[in-house]
Amino acid sequence: KVRWGKKEYLTAAVVDAAGIDGLNPSFDMPFLCPLTQKLAATKEEIVLTVLNGADVIGTADVPYSTLVESPGMMVTAKTSVGDKGAMLQFRVILRGLLLSPDTAVEV
């Protein structure tokens, strides 16, 4: 699940089927989160959550300040989540935002 501000986006559920490992699923799913001036002004972090059904396994956060200060406004990371060995590899790219020289980003 991806949450930015009040918006949430979910991947499709993975179930056991021929050729699919439901116990060790892999997701490669892009999300397009429309960026509004209101959302950019909140400077909220992006929260990525790994779920097993309704149970939260773990989360990873991408602070807004980290995203806008990164080269190309892109953050790529791989991190362990939870305590059961789950890994989350992700890339967050912010496009369509032009920071002016007087834009202050609080850290």
C-alpha atoms as a PDB file:
ATOM      1  CA  LYS A   1       0.000   0.000   0.000  1.00  0.00           C
ATOM      2  CA  VAL A   2       1.190   3.528  -0.747  1.00  0.00           C
ATOM      3  CA  ARG A   3      -0.083   6.519   1.199  1.00  0.00           C
ATOM      4  CA  TRP A   4       0.678  10.143   0.456  1.00  0.00           C
ATOM      5  CA  GLY A   5      -1.396  12.658   2.330  1.00  0.00           C
ATOM      6  CA  LYS A   6      -4.974  11.426   2.448  1.00  0.00           C
ATOM      7  CA  LYS A   7      -4.640   9.312  -0.721  1.00  0.00           C
ATOM      8  CA  GLU A   8      -4.011   5.554  -0.559  1.00  0.00           C
ATOM      9  CA  TYR A   9      -3.185   3.151  -3.376  1.00  0.00           C
ATOM     10  CA  LEU A  10      -3.216  -0.658  -3.138  1.00  0.00           C
ATOM     11  CA  THR A  11      -1.666  -3.425  -5.203  1.00  0.00           C
ATOM     12  CA  ALA A  12      -3.704  -6.394  -6.328  1.00  0.00           C
ATOM     13  CA  ALA A  13      -3.881  -9.352  -3.955  1.00  0.00           C
ATOM     14  CA  VAL A  14      -1.594 -12.328  -4.640  1.00  0.00           C
ATOM     15  CA  VAL A  15      -3.014 -15.841  -4.254  1.00  0.00           C
ATOM     16  CA  ASP A  16      -1.520 -19.276  -4.815  1.00  0.00           C
ATOM     17  CA  ALA A  17      -1.933 -20.345  -8.422  1.00  0.00           C
ATOM     18  CA  ALA A  18       0.070 -22.213 -11.031  1.00  0.00           C
ATOM     19  CA  GLY A  19       3.351 -20.357 -11.559  1.00  0.00           C
ATOM     20  CA  ILE A  20       2.742 -17.890  -8.692  1.00  0.00           C
ATOM     21  CA  ASP A  21       4.409 -18.168  -5.295  1.00  0.00           C
ATOM     22  CA  GLY A  22       1.744 -16.829  -2.939  1.00  0.00           C
ATOM     23  CA  LEU A  23       4.028 -17.296   0.079  1.00  0.00           C
ATOM     24  CA  ASN A  24       6.812 -15.158  -1.389  1.00  0.00           C
ATOM     25  CA  PRO A  25       5.039 -12.655  -3.645  1.00  0.00           C
ATOM     26  CA  SER A  26       6.806 -10.158  -5.829  1.00  0.00           C
ATOM     27  CA  PHE A  27       5.150  -6.905  -6.894  1.00  0.00           C
ATOM     28  CA  ASP A  28       6.288  -4.656  -9.685  1.00  0.00           C
ATOM     29  CA  MET A  29       3.530  -2.115  -9.755  1.00  0.00           C
ATOM     30  CA  PRO A  30       3.777   1.578 -10.583  1.00  0.00           C
ATOM     31  CA  PHE A  31       1.479   4.061  -8.881  1.00  0.00           C
ATOM     32  CA  LEU A  32       0.660   7.458 -10.300  1.00  0.00           C
ATOM     33  CA  CYS A  33      -0.188   9.837  -7.473  1.00  0.00           C
ATOM     34  CA  PRO A  34      -1.454  13.153  -8.852  1.00  0.00           C
ATOM     35  CA  LEU A  35       0.496  16.042  -7.332  1.00  0.00           C
ATOM     36  CA  THR A  36      -1.561  19.073  -6.440  1.00  0.00           C
ATOM     37  CA  GLN A  37      -0.352  22.371  -5.003  1.00  0.00           C
ATOM     38  CA  LYS A  38      -2.245  21.545  -1.815  1.00  0.00           C
ATOM     39  CA  LEU A  39      -0.510  18.179  -1.438  1.00  0.00           C
ATOM     40  CA  ALA A  40       2.936  19.639  -2.194  1.00  0.00           C
ATOM     41  CA  ALA A  41       2.340  22.394   0.359  1.00  0.00           C
ATOM     42  CA  THR A  42       1.703  19.838   3.127  1.00  0.00           C
ATOM     43  CA  LYS A  43       5.178  18.319   2.603  1.00  0.00           C
ATOM     44  CA  GLU A  44       3.856  15.011   3.949  1.00  0.00           C
ATOM     45  CA  GLU A  45       6.001  11.912   3.782  1.00  0.00           C
ATOM     46  CA  ILE A  46       5.201   9.008   1.495  1.00  0.00           C
ATOM     47  CA  VAL A  47       4.481   5.847   3.462  1.00  0.00           C
ATOM     48  CA  LEU A  48       4.899   2.399   1.879  1.00  0.00           C
ATOM     49  CA  THR A  49       3.243  -0.420   3.832  1.00  0.00           C
ATOM     50  CA  VAL A  50       3.710  -4.162   3.337  1.00  0.00           C
ATOM     51  CA  LEU A  51       0.510  -6.043   4.156  1.00  0.00           C
ATOM     52  CA  ASN A  52      -0.463  -9.681   4.512  1.00  0.00           C
ATOM     53  CA  GLY A  53      -4.200  -9.403   4.062  1.00  0.00           C
ATOM     54  CA  ALA A  54      -5.205  -6.800   6.630  1.00  0.00           C
ATOM     55  CA  ASP A  55      -2.131  -7.412   8.813  1.00  0.00           C
ATOM     56  CA  VAL A  56       0.663  -4.846   8.613  1.00  0.00           C
ATOM     57  CA  ILE A  57       4.068  -6.519   8.215  1.00  0.00           C
ATOM     58  CA  GLY A  58       6.050  -3.271   8.190  1.00  0.00           C
ATOM     59  CA  THR A  59       6.433   0.189   6.699  1.00  0.00           C
ATOM     60  CA  ALA A  60       9.019   2.411   5.058  1.00  0.00           C
ATOM     61  CA  ASP A  61       8.784   6.193   4.942  1.00  0.00           C
ATOM     62  CA  VAL A  62      10.155   8.617   2.361  1.00  0.00           C
ATOM     63  CA  PRO A  63      10.263  12.128   3.854  1.00  0.00           C
ATOM     64  CA  TYR A  64       9.208  14.868   1.441  1.00  0.00           C
ATOM     65  CA  SER A  65      12.423  16.794   2.131  1.00  0.00           C
ATOM     66  CA  THR A  66      14.522  13.749   1.197  1.00  0.00           C
ATOM     67  CA  LEU A  67      12.600  13.338  -2.052  1.00  0.00           C
ATOM     68  CA  VAL A  68      12.904  16.949  -3.246  1.00  0.00           C
ATOM     69  CA  GLU A  69      16.587  17.182  -2.239  1.00  0.00           C
ATOM     70  CA  SER A  70      17.589  13.926  -4.007  1.00  0.00           C
ATOM     71  CA  PRO A  71      19.200  14.067  -7.472  1.00  0.00           C
ATOM     72  CA  GLY A  72      16.419  14.062 -10.043  1.00  0.00           C
ATOM     73  CA  MET A  73      13.909  14.102  -7.155  1.00  0.00           C
ATOM     74  CA  MET A  74      14.222  10.303  -7.079  1.00  0.00           C
ATOM     75  CA  VAL A  75      14.718   7.980  -4.103  1.00  0.00           C
ATOM     76  CA  THR A  76      15.618   4.320  -4.637  1.00  0.00           C
ATOM     77  CA  ALA A  77      15.986   2.039  -1.627  1.00  0.00           C
ATOM     78  CA  LYS A  78      15.853  -1.522  -0.394  1.00  0.00           C
ATOM     79  CA  THR A  79      14.997  -2.045   3.254  1.00  0.00           C
ATOM     80  CA  SER A  80      13.858  -4.781   5.581  1.00  0.00           C
ATOM     81  CA  VAL A  81      10.365  -4.331   6.999  1.00  0.00           C
ATOM     82  CA  GLY A  82       8.890  -6.054  10.010  1.00  0.00           C
ATOM     83  CA  ASP A  83      10.555  -8.836  11.939  1.00  0.00           C
ATOM     84  CA  LYS A  84       9.906 -11.812   9.641  1.00  0.00           C
ATOM     85  CA  GLY A  85      12.533 -11.153   6.958  1.00  0.00           C
ATOM     86  CA  ALA A  86      10.371  -9.236   4.460  1.00  0.00           C
ATOM     87  CA  MET A  87      12.227  -6.892   2.113  1.00  0.00           C
ATOM     88  CA  LEU A  88      10.836  -3.851   0.347  1.00  0.00           C
ATOM     89  CA  GLN A  89      12.599  -2.449  -2.700  1.00  0.00           C
ATOM     90  CA  PHE A  90      11.127   0.732  -4.110  1.00  0.00           C
ATOM     91  CA  ARG A  91      11.693   3.842  -6.184  1.00  0.00           C
ATOM     92  CA  VAL A  92       9.794   7.091  -5.692  1.00  0.00           C
ATOM     93  CA  ILE A  93      10.091   9.783  -8.363  1.00  0.00           C
ATOM     94  CA  LEU A  94       8.586  13.237  -8.087  1.00  0.00           C
ATOM     95  CA  ARG A  95       7.765  14.740 -11.475  1.00  0.00           C
ATOM     96  CA  GLY A  96       6.058  17.933 -12.475  1.00  0.00           C
ATOM     97  CA  LEU A  97       7.380  20.004  -9.569  1.00  0.00           C
ATOM     98  CA  LEU A  98       9.668  22.912 -10.308  1.00  0.00           C
ATOM     99  CA  LEU A  99      11.360  24.233  -7.189  1.00  0.00           C
ATOM    100  CA  SER A 100      12.159  27.920  -7.324  1.00  0.00           C
ATOM    101  CA  PRO A 101      15.455  29.190  -5.855  1.00  0.00           C
ATOM    102  CA  ASP A 102      13.594  30.726  -2.905  1.00  0.00           C
ATOM    103  CA  THR A 103      11.723  27.499  -2.082  1.00  0.00           C
ATOM    104  CA  ALA A 104      12.653  26.451   1.426  1.00  0.00           C
ATOM    105  CA  VAL A 105      12.546  22.753   2.252  1.00  0.00           C
ATOM    106  CA  GLU A 106      12.454  22.042   5.955  1.00  0.00           C
ATOM    107  CA  VAL A 107      14.508  19.059   7.075  1.00  0.00           C
END
